[in-house]
Amino acid sequence: MKISSTKAIMECLLEQEVDTVFGYPGGTILNVYDELYRYRDKIKHILTSHEQGAAHAADGYARATGRPGVCFATSGPGATNLTTGIATAYLDSSPVVFITCNVGESLLGKDAFQEVDITGIAMPITKATFLVREASQIPEVMRQAFAVAVSGRPGPVLIDFLKNVTNPDQMVDYEFLPARDNKSCQAIRKLGRLHSVVQPEVNKEDVETLVDMIADSKKPFIICGGGVVRGRADRQFREFAEKLDAPVAITVMGGGGFPGDHPLTSGMIGMHGSTASNTACSECDLLIAVGCRFSDRVALNPATFASQAKIVQIDIDRAEIDKNVLTDHHIIGSAAKVLEMLNERLPQYDHSEWKESILPLREPQTAPDLGRFTPQQIMETIRTTAPEDAIVATDVGQHQMWSIKYLHFTYPGQLLTSGGFGTMGFGLGAAIGASIGCPDKRVIHITGDGCFRMNLNELATAEHYGLPIITIVFNNGTLGMVRQWQSLIYGKRYSETTLDRGPDFVKIADAYGLNGFRVTNREEMEEALKKALASDKASVIDCRLDINEMVSPMVAAGHDITDFLLSEGGQC
């Protein structure tokens, strides 16, 4: 049947079971928003304060729910304001479909008002981009975009519609094809050339080789990476780890892929990795990394990284194999499928002696009384007071590392953090997306005073939609992680990192009609958090900390993983 082009866009969203869109309108996308008004009973739109906030919200929604997020923006600055959010999703393999509208065909390439080549700009930070110049392309392009976003290694896709394509007089031949109907995904075959689109078949011989390598190992060590989370392979990973009976390190992106409080967990690995995990990496004889790309924050010095061990990499994306660290063996495939095949073949192992040499190196989780208010005390209060299934969204910096170090994430989508791109300002938008997508769970946004300045405008969004997000600000009056580097490496030359300025975050919360608390000790923190949890509206808890707090341990970039510049407990 024939329907209007904008109605086809809406119907294609419904095909993909999209019920929520995040965005910000503008001139070129008004035809789409006009149609969205007619679909307001079927598709909810969340109006954020800024396009970047919308991008992060769609990303947070995708990470928390496991379903693709959708984000709308207009042309020019509206589209370019998405780019940080697009890159954030790309580096962390988060499936988000970004929909923008550009100037009309007659103005294209003429530097028209708010014209920009957003498909060209976004090409390096997406799995695919589409410039739609004919209304007849809409159904196929929409279906392809969603299929690409969620297939293989997930990631963002951008569709840019020319404004004339969305004019009311543009009609499209359309037939509703539910996403669950395989016919609607056949178009993906046309895009087999695209990076990491098609789900690879697992080579059984590769699996058997790893089974034999495990049998020969006396000191196996496992890394749980972001691929376990993205692939929702937590159940299979846990069975694998318990069968292998080996210590498990969890990367920043792997939080929630394996329980943080599991007896086999050795902690984070890498630059701020635990003594247990980094030591295990340097002493194991077999290292198995699942869904981990060995970034420079994990394999700080690739030449010495686990050089004494046989290294095995399991990843869905062939491009990641041997990119950063040379492997002795690898298996291409989804984490869930590969682990299922391994679990069918593995007997129960007992590596007690190896575990006993590694796991006692873990730092105690109880916060000591140091005579001052500490980050660990804040984290312990969150861990013991907030619901166990609360979703945590972080920004980037010291508070991010403390969150991963001291909070125990137990399921995929419980931790939302920008690991690959390190985006300050990610957290509040992501928290909004998670709160919309998972209304039955409490969402806690953990940030620093530097990061919060970059996204606090989205408090207006949380207030308007009645989202009871709790923002906890680690306020140490500085760009803490950068200051830490300046303290340890740059001779305490604090160049432009001290934040000796406003605003007053409690007054900011009040200005938005939200709860605001200022806390200076553990008792005040516990009381404020309980009040925030009891409230049905968003809250901001301003935690005043010492400017010289540091994340420990720390290994300098480019050094061996056990060459601690700052040891566990904060000792140089």
Protein backbone atom coordinates (compact mmCIF):
# COMPACT_ATOMS: atom_id res chain seq x y z
CA MET A 1 0.00 0.00 0.00
CA LYS A 2 1.00 3.63 -0.44
CA ILE A 3 1.72 5.72 2.65
CA SER A 4 3.56 8.99 3.27
CA SER A 5 7.34 8.88 3.69
CA THR A 6 7.24 10.06 7.31
CA LYS A 7 4.56 7.52 8.16
CA ALA A 8 6.83 4.86 6.64
CA ILE A 9 9.58 5.99 9.02
CA MET A 10 7.25 5.58 12.00
CA GLU A 11 5.95 2.23 10.81
CA CYS A 12 9.50 0.97 10.33
CA LEU A 13 10.27 1.98 13.92
CA LEU A 14 7.24 0.00 15.07
CA GLU A 15 8.47 -2.97 13.02
CA GLN A 16 11.60 -2.93 15.19
CA GLU A 17 9.44 -2.73 18.33
CA VAL A 18 10.73 0.77 19.09
CA ASP A 19 8.56 2.43 21.72
CA THR A 20 10.91 5.23 22.83
CA VAL A 21 12.91 7.85 20.94
CA PHE A 22 15.29 10.43 22.41
CA GLY A 23 15.90 13.67 20.59
CA TYR A 24 15.67 17.38 19.93
CA PRO A 25 13.70 18.91 17.03
CA GLY A 26 14.72 21.54 14.49
CA GLY A 27 13.80 22.90 11.10
CA THR A 28 14.84 20.13 8.74
CA ILE A 29 13.39 17.31 10.82
CA LEU A 30 10.04 19.00 11.51
CA ASN A 31 8.17 16.82 9.02
CA VAL A 32 9.30 13.76 10.97
CA TYR A 33 8.32 15.32 14.29
CA ASP A 34 4.94 16.29 12.84
CA GLU A 35 4.33 12.63 12.03
CA LEU A 36 5.68 11.57 15.42
CA TYR A 37 2.94 13.70 16.99
CA ARG A 38 0.38 11.47 15.30
CA TYR A 39 2.15 8.39 16.69
CA ARG A 40 2.56 9.77 20.20
CA ASP A 41 0.38 6.99 21.67
CA LYS A 42 2.68 4.35 20.21
CA ILE A 43 6.12 5.97 20.31
CA LYS A 44 7.18 8.01 23.33
CA HIS A 45 9.60 10.88 22.69
CA ILE A 46 11.99 12.07 25.41
CA LEU A 47 13.01 15.69 24.86
CA THR A 48 16.45 16.26 26.35
CA SER A 49 18.21 19.57 27.02
CA HIS A 50 20.89 19.04 24.37
CA GLU A 51 21.44 16.68 21.43
CA GLN A 52 24.50 15.17 23.11
CA GLY A 53 22.33 14.31 26.10
CA ALA A 54 19.86 12.64 23.73
CA ALA A 55 22.66 10.60 22.15
CA HIS A 56 23.92 9.40 25.53
CA ALA A 57 20.36 8.66 26.68
CA ALA A 58 19.70 6.48 23.62
CA ASP A 59 23.02 4.76 24.28
CA GLY A 60 22.22 4.21 27.97
CA TYR A 61 18.82 2.83 26.99
CA ALA A 62 20.51 0.36 24.63
CA ARG A 63 23.09 -0.76 27.18
CA ALA A 64 20.57 -1.18 29.99
CA THR A 65 17.84 -2.95 28.01
CA GLY A 66 19.83 -4.84 25.39
CA ARG A 67 17.60 -3.33 22.69
CA PRO A 68 18.71 -0.74 20.13
CA GLY A 69 18.34 2.88 21.16
CA VAL A 70 16.97 5.52 18.78
CA CYS A 71 17.89 9.20 18.63
CA PHE A 72 16.54 12.07 16.49
CA ALA A 73 18.26 15.36 15.66
CA THR A 74 18.02 18.08 13.07
CA SER A 75 20.67 19.15 10.55
CA GLY A 76 23.83 21.19 11.05
CA PRO A 77 24.70 21.80 14.72
CA GLY A 78 21.94 19.45 15.80
CA ALA A 79 23.60 16.62 13.92
CA THR A 80 27.16 17.53 14.88
CA ASN A 81 26.15 17.74 18.54
CA LEU A 82 25.49 14.00 18.27
CA THR A 83 29.02 13.08 17.24
CA THR A 84 30.49 12.65 20.73
CA GLY A 85 27.58 10.37 21.60
CA ILE A 86 27.98 8.44 18.35
CA ALA A 87 31.70 7.90 18.97
CA THR A 88 30.98 6.86 22.56
CA ALA A 89 28.55 4.20 21.34
CA TYR A 90 30.96 3.08 18.62
CA LEU A 91 33.95 2.55 20.90
CA ASP A 92 31.80 0.57 23.35
CA SER A 93 29.84 -1.42 20.72
CA SER A 94 26.42 -0.07 21.69
CA PRO A 95 23.57 -0.46 19.14
CA VAL A 96 22.01 2.96 18.54
CA VAL A 97 20.23 4.16 15.39
CA PHE A 98 20.69 7.91 14.90
CA ILE A 99 18.21 9.61 12.57
CA THR A 100 18.91 13.10 11.26
CA CYS A 101 17.45 15.22 8.46
CA ASN A 102 19.45 17.43 6.14
CA VAL A 103 18.65 20.28 3.79
CA GLY A 104 16.70 19.56 0.62
CA GLU A 105 18.21 18.15 -2.57
CA SER A 106 18.18 21.55 -4.29
CA LEU A 107 20.33 23.05 -1.51
CA LEU A 108 22.70 20.15 -0.99
CA GLY A 109 26.32 21.15 -1.41
CA LYS A 110 25.58 24.89 -1.46
CA ASP A 111 26.49 25.70 2.16
CA ALA A 112 22.83 26.25 2.95
CA PHE A 113 21.68 27.25 6.41
CA GLN A 114 22.48 24.42 8.85
CA GLU A 115 23.82 22.15 6.13
CA VAL A 116 26.53 19.66 7.05
CA ASP A 117 27.75 16.38 5.60
CA ILE A 118 26.86 14.37 8.69
CA THR A 119 27.14 11.01 6.90
CA GLY A 120 30.71 11.88 5.97
CA ILE A 121 31.52 13.14 9.45
CA ALA A 122 30.02 10.07 11.14
CA MET A 123 31.42 7.46 8.77
CA PRO A 124 34.58 6.67 10.85
CA ILE A 125 32.55 6.34 14.07
CA THR A 126 29.62 4.21 12.88
CA LYS A 127 29.13 0.73 11.49
CA ALA A 128 27.28 2.30 8.56
CA THR A 129 25.81 5.59 7.39
CA PHE A 130 22.95 6.11 4.94
CA LEU A 131 22.05 9.27 3.00
CA VAL A 132 18.44 8.84 1.85
CA ARG A 133 17.74 10.86 -1.30
CA GLU A 134 14.61 9.01 -2.49
CA ALA A 135 11.50 8.27 -0.42
CA SER A 136 11.28 4.80 -1.97
CA GLN A 137 14.50 3.85 -0.12
CA ILE A 138 13.03 4.39 3.34
CA PRO A 139 11.76 0.88 4.25
CA GLU A 140 14.88 -0.91 3.02
CA VAL A 141 17.29 1.57 4.61
CA MET A 142 15.46 1.56 7.96
CA ARG A 143 15.49 -2.24 8.11
CA GLN A 144 19.12 -2.44 7.09
CA ALA A 145 20.11 0.16 9.69
CA PHE A 146 18.60 -1.76 12.58
CA ALA A 147 19.94 -5.07 11.29
CA VAL A 148 23.46 -3.65 11.05
CA ALA A 149 23.25 -2.03 14.49
CA VAL A 150 22.42 -5.27 16.31
CA SER A 151 24.17 -7.90 14.16
CA GLY A 152 27.65 -9.24 14.77
CA ARG A 153 29.53 -6.77 16.94
CA PRO A 154 26.84 -4.18 17.79
CA GLY A 155 27.32 -0.49 17.13
CA PRO A 156 25.78 2.79 16.02
CA VAL A 157 24.30 3.49 12.59
CA LEU A 158 23.27 6.89 11.19
CA ILE A 159 20.48 7.63 8.69
CA ASP A 160 20.31 11.12 7.17
CA PHE A 161 17.12 11.99 5.28
CA LEU A 162 17.06 14.91 2.87
CA LYS A 163 14.24 17.25 3.81
CA ASN A 164 12.44 16.85 0.48
CA VAL A 165 12.28 13.10 1.13
CA THR A 166 10.13 13.82 4.19
CA ASN A 167 7.75 16.24 2.46
CA PRO A 168 4.06 15.37 2.99
CA ASP A 169 3.56 14.69 -0.73
CA GLN A 170 6.21 11.96 -0.82
CA MET A 171 4.52 8.54 -0.97
CA VAL A 172 6.10 5.11 -0.40
CA ASP A 173 5.12 1.55 -1.24
CA TYR A 174 5.09 -0.11 2.17
CA GLU A 175 4.27 -3.47 3.73
CA PHE A 176 4.63 -4.02 7.47
CA LEU A 177 7.31 -6.65 8.15
CA PRO A 178 7.91 -7.42 11.83
CA ALA A 179 11.58 -7.64 12.81
CA ARG A 180 10.96 -11.15 14.11
CA ASP A 181 10.04 -12.19 10.57
CA ASN A 182 13.28 -13.31 8.95
CA LYS A 183 12.20 -11.70 5.69
CA SER A 184 12.68 -8.28 7.24
CA CYS A 185 16.35 -9.01 7.88
CA GLN A 186 17.22 -10.42 4.45
CA ALA A 187 18.51 -7.01 3.41
CA ILE A 188 21.43 -7.53 5.78
CA ARG A 189 22.93 -9.97 3.29
CA LYS A 190 23.53 -7.10 0.92
CA LEU A 191 25.77 -5.52 3.55
CA GLY A 192 28.00 -8.51 4.19
CA ARG A 193 30.98 -6.39 3.16
CA LEU A 194 30.49 -4.17 6.18
CA HIS A 195 32.74 -4.51 9.21
CA SER A 196 31.42 -6.97 11.79
CA VAL A 197 27.92 -7.30 10.42
CA VAL A 198 27.37 -11.01 9.87
CA GLN A 199 27.39 -13.38 12.85
CA PRO A 200 30.43 -15.63 12.29
CA GLU A 201 30.21 -19.40 12.54
CA VAL A 202 32.38 -20.83 15.31
CA ASN A 203 35.11 -23.20 14.14
CA LYS A 204 34.80 -26.43 16.14
CA GLU A 205 38.48 -27.27 15.68
CA ASP A 206 39.43 -23.94 17.24
CA VAL A 207 37.27 -24.80 20.24
CA GLU A 208 38.88 -28.24 20.56
CA THR A 209 42.32 -26.65 20.45
CA LEU A 210 41.44 -24.44 23.40
CA VAL A 211 40.03 -27.42 25.30
CA ASP A 212 43.43 -29.11 24.91
CA MET A 213 45.28 -25.94 25.96
CA ILE A 214 43.15 -25.74 29.10
CA ALA A 215 43.92 -29.37 29.92
CA ASP A 216 47.64 -28.61 29.76
CA SER A 217 47.40 -25.48 31.92
CA LYS A 218 48.29 -25.35 35.61
CA LYS A 219 47.68 -21.63 36.10
CA PRO A 220 44.84 -20.43 33.87
CA PHE A 221 43.57 -16.85 34.08
CA ILE A 222 40.42 -15.42 32.49
CA ILE A 223 39.51 -11.86 31.46
CA CYS A 224 35.84 -10.90 31.24
CA GLY A 225 35.53 -8.16 28.62
CA GLY A 226 32.76 -6.02 27.24
CA GLY A 227 31.82 -8.65 24.68
CA VAL A 228 30.40 -10.78 27.48
CA VAL A 229 28.12 -7.90 28.48
CA ARG A 230 27.10 -6.89 24.96
CA GLY A 231 26.40 -10.51 24.04
CA ARG A 232 24.46 -11.10 27.27
CA ALA A 233 26.72 -14.13 27.79
CA ASP A 234 27.00 -13.79 31.57
CA ARG A 235 25.41 -17.18 32.30
CA GLN A 236 27.73 -19.01 29.93
CA PHE A 237 30.76 -17.10 31.18
CA ARG A 238 30.03 -17.91 34.81
CA GLU A 239 29.68 -21.62 34.02
CA PHE A 240 32.98 -21.49 32.12
CA ALA A 241 34.84 -19.74 34.94
CA GLU A 242 33.51 -22.11 37.58
CA LYS A 243 34.37 -25.16 35.48
CA LEU A 244 37.86 -23.84 34.92
CA ASP A 245 38.15 -22.85 38.60
CA ALA A 246 40.42 -19.95 37.72
CA PRO A 247 40.79 -16.31 38.80
CA VAL A 248 38.72 -13.88 36.73
CA ALA A 249 39.68 -10.27 36.00
CA ILE A 250 36.95 -7.89 34.87
CA THR A 251 37.66 -5.02 32.49
CA VAL A 252 35.95 -1.64 32.74
CA MET A 253 33.53 -2.68 29.99
CA GLY A 254 33.13 -6.17 31.44
CA GLY A 255 31.36 -4.96 34.58
CA GLY A 256 28.25 -7.09 35.03
CA GLY A 257 29.54 -9.89 32.81
CA PHE A 258 30.73 -11.78 35.90
CA PRO A 259 29.64 -11.04 39.48
CA GLY A 260 32.01 -8.60 41.12
CA ASP A 261 31.61 -10.36 44.47
CA HIS A 262 32.12 -13.89 43.11
CA PRO A 263 34.82 -15.91 44.95
CA LEU A 264 36.81 -16.21 41.71
CA THR A 265 36.81 -12.47 40.94
CA SER A 266 40.31 -11.00 41.20
CA GLY A 267 39.25 -7.44 40.36
CA MET A 268 39.88 -4.96 37.57
CA ILE A 269 42.91 -5.40 35.31
CA GLY A 270 45.23 -2.86 33.74
CA MET A 271 46.25 0.71 34.55
CA HIS A 272 44.17 0.78 37.74
CA GLY A 273 43.93 -2.98 38.02
CA SER A 274 44.07 -4.77 41.34
CA THR A 275 47.29 -6.31 42.61
CA ALA A 276 45.61 -9.71 42.31
CA SER A 277 44.59 -9.32 38.66
CA ASN A 278 47.79 -7.69 37.44
CA THR A 279 49.92 -10.27 39.28
CA ALA A 280 47.87 -13.13 37.86
CA CYS A 281 48.40 -11.70 34.39
CA SER A 282 52.17 -11.75 34.88
CA GLU A 283 52.27 -15.25 36.43
CA CYS A 284 49.63 -17.31 34.60
CA ASP A 285 50.55 -19.90 31.99
CA LEU A 286 47.32 -19.54 30.00
CA LEU A 287 45.39 -16.29 29.57
CA ILE A 288 41.91 -16.52 28.05
CA ALA A 289 40.35 -13.16 27.13
CA VAL A 290 36.65 -13.27 26.30
CA GLY A 291 35.23 -10.25 24.46
CA CYS A 292 38.28 -8.14 25.31
CA ARG A 293 40.22 -6.13 22.73
CA PHE A 294 43.35 -5.58 24.87
CA SER A 295 43.16 -1.79 24.82
CA ASP A 296 46.08 0.32 25.98
CA ARG A 297 44.43 0.64 29.42
CA VAL A 298 44.58 -3.17 29.82
CA ALA A 299 47.71 -4.16 27.90
CA LEU A 300 49.77 -1.12 28.83
CA ASN A 301 52.93 -2.60 27.30
CA PRO A 302 51.93 -5.17 24.67
CA ALA A 303 55.50 -6.48 24.43
CA THR A 304 55.52 -7.65 28.06
CA PHE A 305 51.80 -8.28 28.56
CA ALA A 306 51.41 -11.89 29.79
CA SER A 307 54.58 -12.68 27.84
CA GLN A 308 55.14 -15.84 29.90
CA ALA A 309 51.71 -17.24 29.03
CA LYS A 310 49.89 -18.61 26.05
CA ILE A 311 47.33 -15.97 25.11
CA VAL A 312 43.91 -16.90 23.72
CA GLN A 313 41.44 -14.30 22.45
CA ILE A 314 37.73 -15.02 21.93
CA ASP A 315 36.00 -12.25 19.99
CA ILE A 316 33.15 -11.76 17.56
CA ASP A 317 35.15 -9.24 15.55
CA ARG A 318 38.04 -10.68 13.54
CA ALA A 319 39.53 -7.20 13.21
CA GLU A 320 40.34 -7.21 16.94
CA ILE A 321 42.44 -10.36 16.78
CA ASP A 322 46.17 -9.62 17.09
CA LYS A 323 45.47 -5.88 16.73
CA ASN A 324 46.95 -4.90 20.09
CA VAL A 325 48.39 -8.12 21.53
CA LEU A 326 49.67 -11.07 19.52
CA THR A 327 47.83 -14.24 20.45
CA ASP A 328 48.84 -17.90 20.47
CA HIS A 329 45.31 -18.96 19.58
CA HIS A 330 41.99 -17.29 18.89
CA ILE A 331 38.36 -18.17 18.30
CA ILE A 332 36.05 -16.00 16.21
CA GLY A 333 32.45 -15.99 17.37
CA SER A 334 29.93 -14.63 19.80
CA ALA A 335 30.92 -15.05 23.43
CA ALA A 336 27.71 -16.93 24.22
CA LYS A 337 28.14 -19.48 21.42
CA VAL A 338 31.85 -20.09 21.96
CA LEU A 339 31.39 -20.50 25.72
CA GLU A 340 28.46 -22.86 25.23
CA MET A 341 30.63 -25.06 23.02
CA LEU A 342 33.50 -24.96 25.52
CA ASN A 343 31.24 -25.75 28.48
CA GLU A 344 29.93 -28.85 26.69
CA ARG A 345 33.48 -30.16 26.36
CA LEU A 346 35.17 -29.13 29.60
CA PRO A 347 35.38 -31.28 32.73
CA GLN A 348 35.39 -29.74 36.21
CA TYR A 349 38.88 -28.49 37.12
CA ASP A 350 40.46 -27.78 40.50
CA HIS A 351 43.13 -25.08 40.54
CA SER A 352 43.14 -24.49 44.29
CA GLU A 353 46.89 -24.01 44.61
CA TRP A 354 46.95 -21.40 41.84
CA LYS A 355 43.94 -19.55 43.27
CA GLU A 356 45.44 -19.49 46.73
CA SER A 357 48.50 -17.69 45.37
CA ILE A 358 46.42 -14.99 43.67
CA LEU A 359 43.06 -14.36 45.31
CA PRO A 360 44.42 -13.44 48.78
CA LEU A 361 46.05 -10.42 47.08
CA ARG A 362 42.62 -8.80 46.69
CA GLU A 363 42.17 -5.57 48.65
CA PRO A 364 39.69 -5.67 51.57
CA GLN A 365 36.35 -4.13 50.63
CA THR A 366 35.59 -2.63 54.05
CA ALA A 367 36.37 1.06 54.16
CA PRO A 368 38.91 1.92 56.86
CA ASP A 369 38.53 4.94 59.13
CA LEU A 370 41.25 7.34 57.97
CA GLY A 371 39.94 10.32 59.91
CA ARG A 372 38.44 11.90 56.79
CA PHE A 373 35.57 11.32 54.36
CA THR A 374 36.83 8.98 51.66
CA PRO A 375 35.64 7.70 48.27
CA GLN A 376 35.63 4.14 49.61
CA GLN A 377 33.22 5.16 52.38
CA ILE A 378 30.87 6.62 49.77
CA MET A 379 31.04 3.43 47.72
CA GLU A 380 30.49 1.24 50.76
CA THR A 381 27.41 3.30 51.65
CA ILE A 382 26.03 2.87 48.14
CA ARG A 383 26.77 -0.86 48.20
CA THR A 384 25.05 -1.44 51.53
CA THR A 385 22.15 1.02 51.21
CA ALA A 386 21.00 1.08 47.57
CA PRO A 387 19.06 -1.85 46.03
CA GLU A 388 21.39 -4.64 44.89
CA ASP A 389 19.98 -4.48 41.36
CA ALA A 390 20.32 -0.69 41.03
CA ILE A 391 21.75 0.45 37.70
CA VAL A 392 24.87 2.61 37.98
CA ALA A 393 25.81 5.13 35.29
CA THR A 394 29.17 6.86 35.63
CA ASP A 395 30.99 9.67 33.99
CA VAL A 396 34.77 9.40 33.49
CA GLY A 397 37.62 9.86 35.90
CA GLN A 398 38.51 8.89 39.46
CA HIS A 399 34.89 8.28 40.48
CA GLN A 400 34.56 5.87 37.54
CA MET A 401 37.51 3.79 38.74
CA TRP A 402 36.29 3.84 42.35
CA SER A 403 32.85 2.68 41.19
CA ILE A 404 34.27 -0.26 39.29
CA LYS A 405 36.68 -1.09 42.08
CA TYR A 406 34.26 -1.05 45.02
CA LEU A 407 30.79 -1.74 43.62
CA HIS A 408 29.83 -5.28 42.66
CA PHE A 409 27.93 -5.52 39.39
CA THR A 410 26.05 -8.75 38.88
CA TYR A 411 24.24 -8.57 35.53
CA PRO A 412 24.79 -7.10 32.05
CA GLY A 413 23.52 -3.56 31.74
CA GLN A 414 23.92 -2.79 35.44
CA LEU A 415 27.04 -0.71 34.83
CA LEU A 416 26.84 2.03 32.19
CA THR A 417 30.17 3.71 31.60
CA SER A 418 32.20 5.14 28.74
CA GLY A 419 35.18 2.81 28.62
CA GLY A 420 36.53 3.19 25.11
CA PHE A 421 36.02 6.89 24.38
CA GLY A 422 36.22 8.12 27.99
CA THR A 423 33.44 10.67 27.58
CA MET A 424 33.03 13.21 30.35
CA GLY A 425 29.34 14.10 30.39
CA PHE A 426 28.12 10.62 29.45
CA GLY A 427 26.66 9.63 32.80
CA LEU A 428 23.49 11.66 33.32
CA GLY A 429 22.21 11.12 29.79
CA ALA A 430 22.91 7.39 30.10
CA ALA A 431 21.12 7.35 33.47
CA ILE A 432 18.07 8.95 31.86
CA GLY A 433 18.03 6.34 29.11
CA ALA A 434 18.36 3.53 31.65
CA SER A 435 15.62 4.96 33.85
CA ILE A 436 13.27 5.19 30.86
CA GLY A 437 14.15 1.71 29.63
CA CYS A 438 14.14 0.00 33.03
CA PRO A 439 11.49 1.82 35.10
CA ASP A 440 11.41 -0.98 37.66
CA LYS A 441 15.04 -0.37 38.67
CA ARG A 442 16.60 2.49 40.60
CA VAL A 443 19.30 4.36 38.70
CA ILE A 444 22.31 5.97 40.38
CA HIS A 445 24.46 8.45 38.49
CA ILE A 446 28.00 8.67 39.88
CA THR A 447 30.02 11.65 38.68
CA GLY A 448 32.77 14.10 39.53
CA ASP A 449 32.47 17.84 39.88
CA GLY A 450 34.29 18.35 36.56
CA CYS A 451 32.06 15.91 34.67
CA PHE A 452 28.84 17.13 36.27
CA ARG A 453 29.44 20.62 34.90
CA MET A 454 29.25 19.06 31.44
CA ASN A 455 25.83 17.43 31.78
CA LEU A 456 23.89 18.96 34.67
CA ASN A 457 21.58 20.67 32.16
CA GLU A 458 19.93 17.25 31.81
CA LEU A 459 18.60 17.56 35.36
CA ALA A 460 15.76 19.40 33.62
CA THR A 461 14.99 16.20 31.69
CA ALA A 462 15.02 14.05 34.83
CA GLU A 463 12.71 16.52 36.59
CA HIS A 464 10.25 16.88 33.71
CA TYR A 465 9.78 13.14 33.22
CA GLY A 466 9.73 12.36 36.94
CA LEU A 467 12.82 10.14 36.85
CA PRO A 468 14.07 9.46 40.42
CA ILE A 469 17.73 9.35 39.38
CA ILE A 470 20.20 9.87 42.22
CA THR A 471 23.29 11.85 41.21
CA ILE A 472 26.24 11.41 43.55
CA VAL A 473 28.96 14.01 42.96
CA PHE A 474 32.53 13.24 44.05
CA ASN A 475 33.37 16.89 44.64
CA ASN A 476 37.09 17.27 45.27
CA GLY A 477 37.43 20.67 43.62
CA THR A 478 39.62 19.42 40.79
CA LEU A 479 39.83 17.37 37.63
CA GLY A 480 40.85 14.50 39.86
CA MET A 481 42.33 11.96 37.46
CA VAL A 482 44.30 14.60 35.57
CA ARG A 483 45.55 16.04 38.89
CA GLN A 484 46.61 12.54 39.92
CA TRP A 485 48.80 12.30 36.84
CA GLN A 486 50.16 15.78 37.53
CA SER A 487 50.98 14.72 41.10
CA LEU A 488 52.72 11.48 40.19
CA ILE A 489 54.28 12.23 36.81
CA TYR A 490 54.33 15.99 36.21
CA GLY A 491 56.08 17.23 39.34
CA LYS A 492 52.89 18.58 40.99
CA ARG A 493 52.50 21.29 38.37
CA TYR A 494 48.71 21.66 38.54
CA SER A 495 48.13 23.35 35.22
CA GLU A 496 44.44 24.27 34.81
CA THR A 497 42.97 21.40 36.82
CA THR A 498 41.83 23.14 39.99
CA LEU A 499 38.09 23.86 39.92
CA ASP A 500 37.99 26.75 42.39
CA ARG A 501 34.65 28.07 41.14
CA GLY A 502 30.90 27.47 41.21
CA PRO A 503 28.27 26.35 40.95
CA ASP A 504 26.77 25.24 44.23
CA PHE A 505 25.37 21.84 43.24
CA VAL A 506 22.80 21.81 46.03
CA LYS A 507 21.42 25.14 44.86
CA ILE A 508 21.47 23.86 41.28
CA ALA A 509 19.32 20.91 42.35
CA ASP A 510 16.92 23.27 44.11
CA ALA A 511 16.73 25.46 41.01
CA TYR A 512 15.54 22.45 39.02
CA GLY A 513 13.02 21.56 41.72
CA LEU A 514 14.98 18.52 42.87
CA ASN A 515 16.37 17.25 46.18
CA GLY A 516 19.82 18.55 47.08
CA PHE A 517 22.11 17.32 49.86
CA ARG A 518 25.64 18.24 50.90
CA VAL A 519 27.56 15.60 52.86
CA THR A 520 30.96 15.65 54.53
CA ASN A 521 31.08 12.31 56.37
CA ARG A 522 29.84 8.72 56.22
CA GLU A 523 26.85 9.32 58.51
CA GLU A 524 25.58 12.27 56.47
CA MET A 525 26.09 10.26 53.29
CA GLU A 526 23.99 7.37 54.56
CA GLU A 527 21.20 9.69 55.73
CA ALA A 528 21.15 11.60 52.42
CA LEU A 529 21.12 8.44 50.33
CA LYS A 530 18.23 6.97 52.32
CA LYS A 531 16.22 10.19 51.85
CA ALA A 532 17.00 10.20 48.12
CA LEU A 533 15.94 6.56 47.77
CA ALA A 534 12.68 7.31 49.56
CA SER A 535 11.89 10.21 47.23
CA ASP A 536 9.98 9.93 43.98
CA LYS A 537 12.01 12.67 42.30
CA ALA A 538 15.62 13.09 41.30
CA SER A 539 18.26 13.99 43.87
CA VAL A 540 21.78 15.41 43.91
CA ILE A 541 24.18 14.46 46.70
CA ASP A 542 27.24 16.71 46.81
CA CYS A 543 30.04 14.75 48.53
CA ARG A 544 32.91 16.96 49.69
CA LEU A 545 36.27 15.17 49.39
CA ASP A 546 39.93 16.04 49.81
CA ILE A 547 41.54 17.44 46.66
CA ASN A 548 44.46 14.98 46.90
CA GLU A 549 42.45 11.72 46.90
CA MET A 550 43.95 9.22 44.47
CA VAL A 551 42.86 6.04 42.73
CA SER A 552 45.17 3.19 43.62
CA PRO A 553 46.82 1.14 42.37
CA MET A 554 48.13 2.79 39.24
CA VAL A 555 50.51 1.70 36.51
CA ALA A 556 51.85 4.38 34.18
CA ALA A 557 51.02 4.10 30.48
CA GLY A 558 53.50 1.98 28.53
CA HIS A 559 54.85 0.17 31.58
CA ASP A 560 54.68 -3.47 32.59
CA ILE A 561 51.38 -4.37 34.23
CA THR A 562 53.03 -5.02 37.63
CA ASP A 563 55.20 -1.90 37.59
CA PHE A 564 52.99 -0.05 40.06
CA LEU A 565 53.55 3.70 40.23
CA LEU A 566 51.02 3.74 43.07
CA SER A 567 50.37 0.53 44.96
CA GLU A 568 47.11 -0.77 46.45
CA GLY A 569 46.22 1.43 49.41
CA GLY A 570 47.75 4.52 47.80
CA GLN A 571 51.44 4.00 48.53
CA CYS A 572 54.03 5.22 46.01
